[in-house]
């Protein structure tokens, strides 16, 4: 197996799973720049955050396609609003800008992840092997026979560990977890790494491919 990485947000910044033959190396890093520095040798890096946003009111095609693919789990998709909305200083201002641009306010949860989106949006020279992924879609693709419940429940955690066991050995992958990361973020990072491996091998699906206003790829890889 070529080394690949999966990245998910955590209270300490970003949790990074570098999956290699024989195990997983875990790190928690503060920002996108540190993620890129720590994964420079990986064949592909899957990041669970919107990579690329519109400057206008247009919706990201990849958000819509991902939501349709997830069906009843579509609530796990947070459509990325325009950059002007993301830079709002508070939620009421963000909602005001969103209504003016798109006709709809944004959720408080979307507002709270705005700094994470902007962290990656500031990376102007994002490497081509760093791709946006969606862990819930990855898990359903990896284990299409499983009806997943919430990742916040014990059953949901068990389902996700069992699904990921089809790809990596949980005894090795989860043996030495980093401080500052929650278990659901850990499992999401592993699922992100699975999509990254598919991308590295040329096996991945590319959902809703387009480019943002800066010319960077904007799609979801699964």
Protein backbone atom coordinates (compact mmCIF):
# COMPACT_ATOMS: atom_id res chain seq x y z
CA UNK A 1 0.00 0.00 0.00
CA UNK A 2 1.30 3.45 -0.92
CA UNK A 3 1.07 5.89 1.98
CA UNK A 4 -2.04 8.03 1.87
CA UNK A 5 -3.62 10.40 4.38
CA UNK A 6 -7.07 11.31 5.62
CA UNK A 7 -7.84 14.60 7.35
CA UNK A 8 -10.81 15.61 9.50
CA UNK A 9 -11.51 18.57 11.74
CA UNK A 10 -10.94 18.12 15.47
CA UNK A 11 -11.07 20.40 18.52
CA UNK A 12 -7.31 20.86 18.26
CA UNK A 13 -7.31 21.75 14.58
CA UNK A 14 -7.03 18.83 12.15
CA UNK A 15 -6.57 15.14 12.89
CA UNK A 16 -4.41 13.44 10.27
CA UNK A 17 -4.31 9.70 9.62
CA UNK A 18 -1.30 8.66 7.55
CA UNK A 19 -2.06 5.11 6.46
CA UNK A 20 0.89 2.98 5.48
CA UNK A 21 1.67 -0.75 5.32
CA UNK A 22 1.62 -2.06 8.87
CA UNK A 23 -0.24 0.71 10.60
CA UNK A 24 -1.41 4.29 10.88
CA UNK A 25 0.49 7.33 12.10
CA UNK A 26 -1.72 9.88 13.85
CA UNK A 27 -1.18 13.59 14.34
CA UNK A 28 -3.25 16.60 15.38
CA UNK A 29 -2.06 19.79 13.70
CA UNK A 30 -3.31 23.38 13.95
CA UNK A 31 -3.95 24.41 10.35
CA UNK A 32 -3.98 23.52 6.67
CA UNK A 33 -0.35 24.56 6.21
CA UNK A 34 0.72 22.05 8.87
CA UNK A 35 -1.41 19.34 7.23
CA UNK A 36 0.33 19.94 3.91
CA UNK A 37 3.77 19.92 5.51
CA UNK A 38 3.08 16.66 7.34
CA UNK A 39 1.61 14.84 4.34
CA UNK A 40 4.03 16.02 1.66
CA UNK A 41 5.21 12.47 0.98
CA UNK A 42 1.76 10.92 0.63
CA UNK A 43 0.41 9.73 -2.70
CA UNK A 44 -2.94 11.40 -1.96
CA UNK A 45 -4.58 13.32 0.87
CA UNK A 46 -8.35 13.29 1.46
CA UNK A 47 -9.73 16.27 3.39
CA UNK A 48 -13.21 16.40 4.91
CA UNK A 49 -13.93 20.08 4.26
CA UNK A 50 -15.06 22.04 1.20
CA UNK A 51 -12.02 22.73 -0.97
CA UNK A 52 -12.97 25.64 -3.16
CA UNK A 53 -15.99 27.94 -2.85
CA UNK A 54 -17.85 30.22 -5.20
CA UNK A 55 -17.46 33.97 -5.09
CA UNK A 56 -21.04 34.27 -6.34
CA UNK A 57 -24.42 32.84 -5.35
CA UNK A 58 -23.90 29.65 -7.37
CA UNK A 59 -24.27 26.36 -5.53
CA UNK A 60 -21.41 23.88 -5.63
CA UNK A 61 -22.44 21.02 -7.89
CA UNK A 62 -20.49 18.53 -5.77
CA UNK A 63 -22.57 19.38 -2.68
CA UNK A 64 -25.79 18.62 -4.54
CA UNK A 65 -24.49 15.37 -6.05
CA UNK A 66 -23.11 14.18 -2.70
CA UNK A 67 -26.40 14.94 -0.94
CA UNK A 68 -28.35 12.98 -3.56
CA UNK A 69 -26.00 10.01 -3.21
CA UNK A 70 -26.38 10.01 0.57
CA UNK A 71 -30.17 9.96 0.48
CA UNK A 72 -31.52 9.89 4.03
CA UNK A 73 -28.05 10.80 5.34
CA UNK A 74 -27.95 13.98 3.24
CA UNK A 75 -28.07 16.12 6.41
CA UNK A 76 -24.35 15.39 6.84
CA UNK A 77 -23.65 17.60 3.81
CA UNK A 78 -23.18 21.29 4.62
CA UNK A 79 -23.34 23.17 1.31
CA UNK A 80 -20.50 25.66 1.20
CA UNK A 81 -21.84 29.23 0.93
CA UNK A 82 -20.12 31.99 -1.08
CA UNK A 83 -16.84 33.35 0.26
CA UNK A 84 -18.45 36.65 1.26
CA UNK A 85 -20.75 34.74 3.62
CA UNK A 86 -17.89 32.74 5.11
CA UNK A 87 -15.97 35.89 6.04
CA UNK A 88 -18.87 37.40 8.03
CA UNK A 89 -17.89 38.33 11.62
CA UNK A 90 -20.97 36.75 13.21
CA UNK A 91 -23.89 34.47 12.42
CA UNK A 92 -26.54 37.20 11.95
CA UNK A 93 -24.29 39.01 9.48
CA UNK A 94 -23.57 35.74 7.67
CA UNK A 95 -27.32 35.08 7.38
CA UNK A 96 -27.92 38.60 6.09
CA UNK A 97 -25.25 38.21 3.42
CA UNK A 98 -26.47 34.72 2.51
CA UNK A 99 -30.07 35.92 2.08
CA UNK A 100 -28.90 38.77 -0.15
CA UNK A 101 -26.80 36.44 -2.33
CA UNK A 102 -28.73 33.18 -2.32
CA UNK A 103 -32.14 33.92 -0.83
CA UNK A 104 -31.49 31.64 2.16
CA UNK A 105 -29.78 32.01 5.53
CA UNK A 106 -27.09 29.58 6.65
CA UNK A 107 -27.21 27.29 9.65
CA UNK A 108 -25.24 28.00 12.80
CA UNK A 109 -23.31 24.77 12.23
CA UNK A 110 -22.25 25.91 8.78
CA UNK A 111 -21.16 29.26 10.23
CA UNK A 112 -19.07 27.47 12.85
CA UNK A 113 -17.10 25.56 10.21
CA UNK A 114 -16.49 28.70 8.16
CA UNK A 115 -12.99 29.26 9.67
CA UNK A 116 -12.04 25.72 8.66
CA UNK A 117 -13.23 26.29 5.10
CA UNK A 118 -11.32 29.59 4.96
CA UNK A 119 -8.20 27.88 6.33
CA UNK A 120 -8.08 25.74 3.18
CA UNK A 121 -9.43 28.45 0.89
CA UNK A 122 -6.34 30.48 1.74
CA UNK A 123 -4.14 27.74 0.22
CA UNK A 124 -3.71 29.16 -3.26
CA UNK A 125 -1.35 26.47 -4.57
CA UNK A 126 -3.13 23.38 -3.27
CA UNK A 127 -1.34 20.26 -4.53
CA UNK A 128 -3.26 18.21 -7.09
CA UNK A 129 -3.14 15.13 -4.84
CA UNK A 130 -5.05 16.94 -2.04
CA UNK A 131 -8.74 16.28 -2.64
CA UNK A 132 -12.07 16.89 -0.95
CA UNK A 133 -13.82 13.81 0.41
CA UNK A 134 -16.93 13.01 2.42
CA UNK A 135 -16.47 10.29 5.08
CA UNK A 136 -20.14 9.30 5.28
CA UNK A 137 -20.24 8.70 1.55
CA UNK A 138 -16.91 6.88 1.71
CA UNK A 139 -18.23 4.51 4.39
CA UNK A 140 -21.40 3.78 2.44
CA UNK A 141 -19.32 3.06 -0.64
CA UNK A 142 -16.93 0.84 1.30
CA UNK A 143 -19.78 -1.05 3.03
CA UNK A 144 -22.89 -0.69 0.84
CA UNK A 145 -24.65 -3.49 2.72
CA UNK A 146 -24.66 -1.58 6.04
CA UNK A 147 -27.47 0.74 7.15
CA UNK A 148 -25.43 3.17 9.19
CA UNK A 149 -26.83 4.84 12.28
CA UNK A 150 -25.53 8.06 13.82
CA UNK A 151 -21.80 8.19 14.42
CA UNK A 152 -22.58 9.68 17.82
CA UNK A 153 -24.07 6.38 19.03
CA UNK A 154 -22.27 3.23 20.21
CA UNK A 155 -23.92 1.24 17.43
CA UNK A 156 -22.84 3.79 14.84
CA UNK A 157 -19.25 3.71 16.10
CA UNK A 158 -19.24 -0.09 15.96
CA UNK A 159 -20.62 -0.08 12.43
CA UNK A 160 -17.92 2.33 11.26
CA UNK A 161 -15.09 0.35 12.85
CA UNK A 162 -16.44 -2.85 11.29
CA UNK A 163 -16.73 -1.19 7.89
CA UNK A 164 -13.20 0.21 8.04
CA UNK A 165 -11.94 -3.24 9.08
CA UNK A 166 -12.64 -4.28 5.49
CA UNK A 167 -9.71 -2.03 4.58
CA UNK A 168 -7.37 -1.69 7.59
CA UNK A 169 -6.76 -3.74 10.71
CA UNK A 170 -8.47 -1.86 13.59
CA UNK A 171 -6.04 -3.37 16.09
CA UNK A 172 -3.23 -1.55 14.30
CA UNK A 173 -5.11 1.52 13.14
CA UNK A 174 -6.62 2.38 16.53
CA UNK A 175 -3.84 1.17 18.82
CA UNK A 176 -2.26 4.55 19.59
CA UNK A 177 -4.62 7.46 19.08
CA UNK A 178 -3.60 11.10 19.48
CA UNK A 179 -4.70 13.32 22.34
CA UNK A 180 -7.07 16.11 21.34
CA UNK A 181 -9.12 14.15 18.79
CA UNK A 182 -12.57 12.63 19.25
CA UNK A 183 -13.29 9.06 18.19
CA UNK A 184 -15.79 10.10 15.51
CA UNK A 185 -13.16 12.44 14.01
CA UNK A 186 -10.63 9.60 14.09
CA UNK A 187 -12.96 7.30 12.18
CA UNK A 188 -13.83 10.05 9.69
CA UNK A 189 -10.12 10.61 9.04
CA UNK A 190 -9.66 6.91 8.30
CA UNK A 191 -12.64 6.96 5.92
CA UNK A 192 -11.12 10.02 4.24
CA UNK A 193 -7.85 8.11 3.79
CA UNK A 194 -9.77 5.27 2.11
CA UNK A 195 -11.10 7.71 -0.50
CA UNK A 196 -7.59 9.14 -0.88
CA UNK A 197 -6.23 5.68 -1.64
CA UNK A 198 -8.88 5.18 -4.33
CA UNK A 199 -7.87 8.52 -5.83
CA UNK A 200 -4.18 7.58 -5.78
CA UNK A 201 -4.98 4.33 -7.58
CA UNK A 202 -7.16 6.00 -10.20
CA UNK A 203 -10.24 4.12 -8.93
CA UNK A 204 -12.18 7.00 -7.39
CA UNK A 205 -15.40 8.60 -8.56
CA UNK A 206 -15.21 12.38 -9.05
CA UNK A 207 -18.52 13.98 -8.10
CA UNK A 208 -19.66 17.34 -9.47
CA UNK A 209 -16.35 18.42 -11.00
CA UNK A 210 -16.01 22.14 -11.66
CA UNK A 211 -13.57 24.92 -10.74
CA UNK A 212 -13.83 27.73 -8.24
CA UNK A 213 -13.33 31.40 -9.10
CA UNK A 214 -9.57 30.96 -8.63
CA UNK A 215 -9.39 28.07 -11.09
CA UNK A 216 -8.90 25.33 -8.51
CA UNK A 217 -10.65 21.94 -8.77
CA UNK A 218 -13.90 21.79 -6.80
CA UNK A 219 -15.32 18.28 -6.47
CA UNK A 220 -15.85 15.41 -4.05
CA UNK A 221 -13.76 12.25 -4.43
CA UNK A 222 -15.10 8.89 -3.29
